[in-house]
Amino acid sequence: MIHFYETYECKIDDKGRIKLPSSLVKLLQSSEDKNFVIKRAVFQNCLEVYPMQPWEKLMKKINGLNRFVKKNADFIRMFTAGVKNVELDSSERILIPKDLKQFANLHKEIVISGAGELFEIWDKEAYEKVIATNEVDFGKLTEEVMGEINFDEE
C-alpha cells in the first residue's frame, strides 16, 4: 500500500489539468493502477485523491452501513456527492472535474499534500491559512490526537 507524506507546490491550468510532480509519479508507479477516485473533503474545502485500493477498502466499510437508517443513507449520499474517477494520462497529469475545481476554489497555484493513504489538493492560499497555526496550538492538538497511542505496540 502506498503512503503519501510529501507536500508539493504545483499549478493547475484553465482546463483543470494538474501535472503531477515527478517524485509523486514515481510513488504512484509503484502501484499498477493508474486510476484514482477524487472527491470533496469532509472537513475542508479541498479535494481528496484516493488510489483504488484504499478507496475500495473505505467503500467496503461504508457499504456495510444500513441504508434503511436515514442518517446512514444521508451520510452515504453526502460523502459520495461529486465523486469522480480520474486517470493519470500519458503526460502524467490528472484532470480535475469542473465541479470539484469550483468546490476547492482551485486557481493557478495549488498544493498537493500527502495524507497517509490518500493525498489532498488545495488552493495554495487556503492551504497556507489552514496550516498557519502557532506552536502552542499545534502542540495541544498533537497531544490530544497522539497522546494516548502506545508506540511500543505493533
Protein backbone atom coordinates (compact mmCIF):
# COMPACT_ATOMS: atom_id res chain seq x y z
CA MET A 1 0.00 0.00 0.00
CA ILE A 2 1.21 3.48 -0.87
CA HIS A 3 1.61 6.13 1.85
CA PHE A 4 1.65 9.78 0.84
CA TYR A 5 3.52 12.16 3.12
CA GLU A 6 5.17 14.81 0.94
CA THR A 7 3.88 18.26 0.05
CA TYR A 8 4.23 19.72 -3.44
CA GLU A 9 3.50 23.13 -4.92
CA CYS A 10 2.04 22.85 -8.42
CA LYS A 11 -0.07 24.66 -10.96
CA ILE A 12 -3.47 23.89 -12.39
CA ASP A 13 -4.33 25.05 -15.89
CA ASP A 14 -7.60 26.62 -17.03
CA LYS A 15 -8.89 23.22 -18.18
CA GLY A 16 -8.33 21.74 -14.71
CA ARG A 17 -5.24 19.68 -15.52
CA ILE A 18 -2.51 19.21 -12.93
CA LYS A 19 0.92 17.94 -13.95
CA LEU A 20 1.95 15.77 -11.04
CA PRO A 21 5.47 16.19 -9.64
CA SER A 22 7.92 13.51 -10.77
CA SER A 23 8.53 12.21 -7.23
CA LEU A 24 4.78 11.71 -6.77
CA VAL A 25 4.53 9.99 -10.15
CA LYS A 26 7.35 7.61 -9.14
CA LEU A 27 5.47 6.75 -5.97
CA LEU A 28 2.28 6.16 -7.94
CA GLN A 29 4.13 3.95 -10.42
CA SER A 30 4.88 1.53 -7.59
CA SER A 31 1.18 0.69 -7.89
CA GLU A 32 -0.06 -0.98 -11.04
CA ASP A 33 -3.29 1.03 -11.01
CA LYS A 34 -3.35 4.46 -12.69
CA ASN A 35 -6.97 5.13 -11.75
CA PHE A 36 -7.96 7.25 -8.77
CA VAL A 37 -11.07 8.48 -7.06
CA ILE A 38 -11.31 12.18 -6.37
CA LYS A 39 -13.86 13.67 -4.00
CA ARG A 40 -14.72 16.64 -1.85
CA ALA A 41 -13.10 16.57 1.57
CA VAL A 42 -15.43 16.31 4.55
CA PHE A 43 -13.96 18.99 6.81
CA GLN A 44 -12.17 21.42 4.46
CA ASN A 45 -12.63 22.96 1.02
CA CYS A 46 -10.05 20.76 -0.61
CA LEU A 47 -10.10 17.56 -2.64
CA GLU A 48 -9.11 14.07 -1.59
CA VAL A 49 -7.50 11.72 -4.11
CA TYR A 50 -7.59 8.01 -3.34
CA PRO A 51 -5.78 5.24 -5.19
CA MET A 52 -8.29 2.47 -5.92
CA GLN A 53 -7.15 0.05 -3.19
CA PRO A 54 -7.72 2.41 -0.22
CA TRP A 55 -10.93 3.71 -1.85
CA GLU A 56 -12.33 0.20 -2.20
CA LYS A 57 -11.38 -0.57 1.41
CA LEU A 58 -13.21 2.57 2.58
CA MET A 59 -16.26 1.87 0.39
CA LYS A 60 -16.49 -1.66 1.77
CA LYS A 61 -16.94 -0.15 5.24
CA ILE A 62 -19.40 2.46 4.01
CA ASN A 63 -21.40 -0.15 2.08
CA GLY A 64 -21.75 -2.05 5.35
CA LEU A 65 -23.92 0.75 6.75
CA ASN A 66 -27.63 0.03 6.94
CA ARG A 67 -29.22 2.25 4.28
CA PHE A 68 -32.62 1.84 6.00
CA VAL A 69 -31.34 4.13 8.75
CA LYS A 70 -31.92 7.65 7.45
CA LYS A 71 -28.73 9.19 8.85
CA ASN A 72 -26.69 6.42 7.17
CA ALA A 73 -28.37 7.00 3.80
CA ASP A 74 -27.89 10.76 4.18
CA PHE A 75 -24.22 10.28 5.07
CA ILE A 76 -23.55 7.99 2.11
CA ARG A 77 -25.23 10.42 -0.29
CA MET A 78 -23.27 13.40 1.03
CA PHE A 79 -19.97 11.51 1.30
CA THR A 80 -20.13 10.34 -2.30
CA ALA A 81 -21.52 13.61 -3.74
CA GLY A 82 -19.36 14.68 -6.67
CA VAL A 83 -17.12 11.60 -6.56
CA LYS A 84 -15.30 11.09 -9.87
CA ASN A 85 -12.88 8.57 -11.28
CA VAL A 86 -9.75 10.11 -12.77
CA GLU A 87 -6.81 8.59 -14.60
CA LEU A 88 -3.18 9.57 -14.86
CA ASP A 89 -2.67 10.45 -18.53
CA SER A 90 0.43 9.85 -20.68
CA SER A 91 1.73 13.33 -19.74
CA GLU A 92 1.49 12.47 -16.02
CA ARG A 93 -1.48 14.78 -15.48
CA ILE A 94 -4.82 14.35 -13.83
CA LEU A 95 -7.92 16.27 -14.85
CA ILE A 96 -9.91 17.87 -12.05
CA PRO A 97 -13.61 17.96 -13.00
CA LYS A 98 -15.07 21.46 -13.12
CA ASP A 99 -17.48 20.99 -10.18
CA LEU A 100 -14.67 19.75 -7.92
CA LYS A 101 -12.34 22.52 -9.08
CA GLN A 102 -15.01 25.04 -8.08
CA PHE A 103 -15.66 23.32 -4.72
CA ALA A 104 -11.99 23.57 -3.74
CA ASN A 105 -11.68 27.06 -5.27
CA LEU A 106 -8.62 25.94 -7.22
CA HIS A 107 -6.80 28.61 -9.18
CA LYS A 108 -3.33 28.69 -10.71
CA GLU A 109 -1.29 27.94 -7.58
CA ILE A 110 -2.14 24.72 -5.75
CA VAL A 111 -0.66 22.41 -3.13
CA ILE A 112 -0.72 18.63 -3.17
CA SER A 113 -0.40 17.40 0.39
CA GLY A 114 0.18 13.80 1.39
CA ALA A 115 -2.31 12.50 3.96
CA GLY A 116 -1.46 8.85 4.54
CA GLU A 117 -3.19 6.54 2.07
CA LEU A 118 -4.57 9.49 0.10
CA PHE A 119 -3.43 12.93 -0.94
CA GLU A 120 -5.20 16.25 -0.84
CA ILE A 121 -5.34 19.01 -3.45
CA TRP A 122 -5.64 22.54 -2.08
CA ASP A 123 -5.74 26.08 -3.35
CA LYS A 124 -2.33 27.33 -2.19
CA GLU A 125 -3.66 30.32 -0.27
CA ALA A 126 -6.29 28.22 1.53
CA TYR A 127 -3.67 25.59 2.43
CA GLU A 128 -1.34 28.22 3.89
CA LYS A 129 -4.18 29.58 6.06
CA VAL A 130 -5.10 26.12 7.35
CA ILE A 131 -1.57 25.15 8.34
CA ALA A 132 -0.76 28.58 9.81
CA THR A 133 -1.05 27.77 13.49
CA ASN A 134 1.15 28.67 16.39
CA GLU A 135 3.34 26.10 18.09
CA VAL A 136 1.22 26.05 21.26
CA ASP A 137 -1.96 25.20 19.31
CA PHE A 138 -0.20 22.50 17.30
CA GLY A 139 1.39 21.09 20.44
CA LYS A 140 -2.02 20.87 22.11
CA LEU A 141 -3.56 19.21 19.05
CA THR A 142 -0.67 16.74 18.85
CA GLU A 143 -1.12 15.77 22.48
CA GLU A 144 -4.89 15.31 22.07
CA VAL A 145 -4.58 13.18 18.94
CA MET A 146 -1.38 11.24 19.58
CA GLY A 147 -1.02 11.31 23.36
CA GLU A 148 -2.91 8.08 24.06
CA ILE A 149 -1.16 5.97 21.43
CA ASN A 150 1.23 3.33 22.72
CA PHE A 151 4.04 3.35 20.17
CA ASP A 152 5.62 0.22 21.65
CA GLU A 153 2.78 -1.96 20.33
CA GLU A 154 2.70 -3.13 16.74
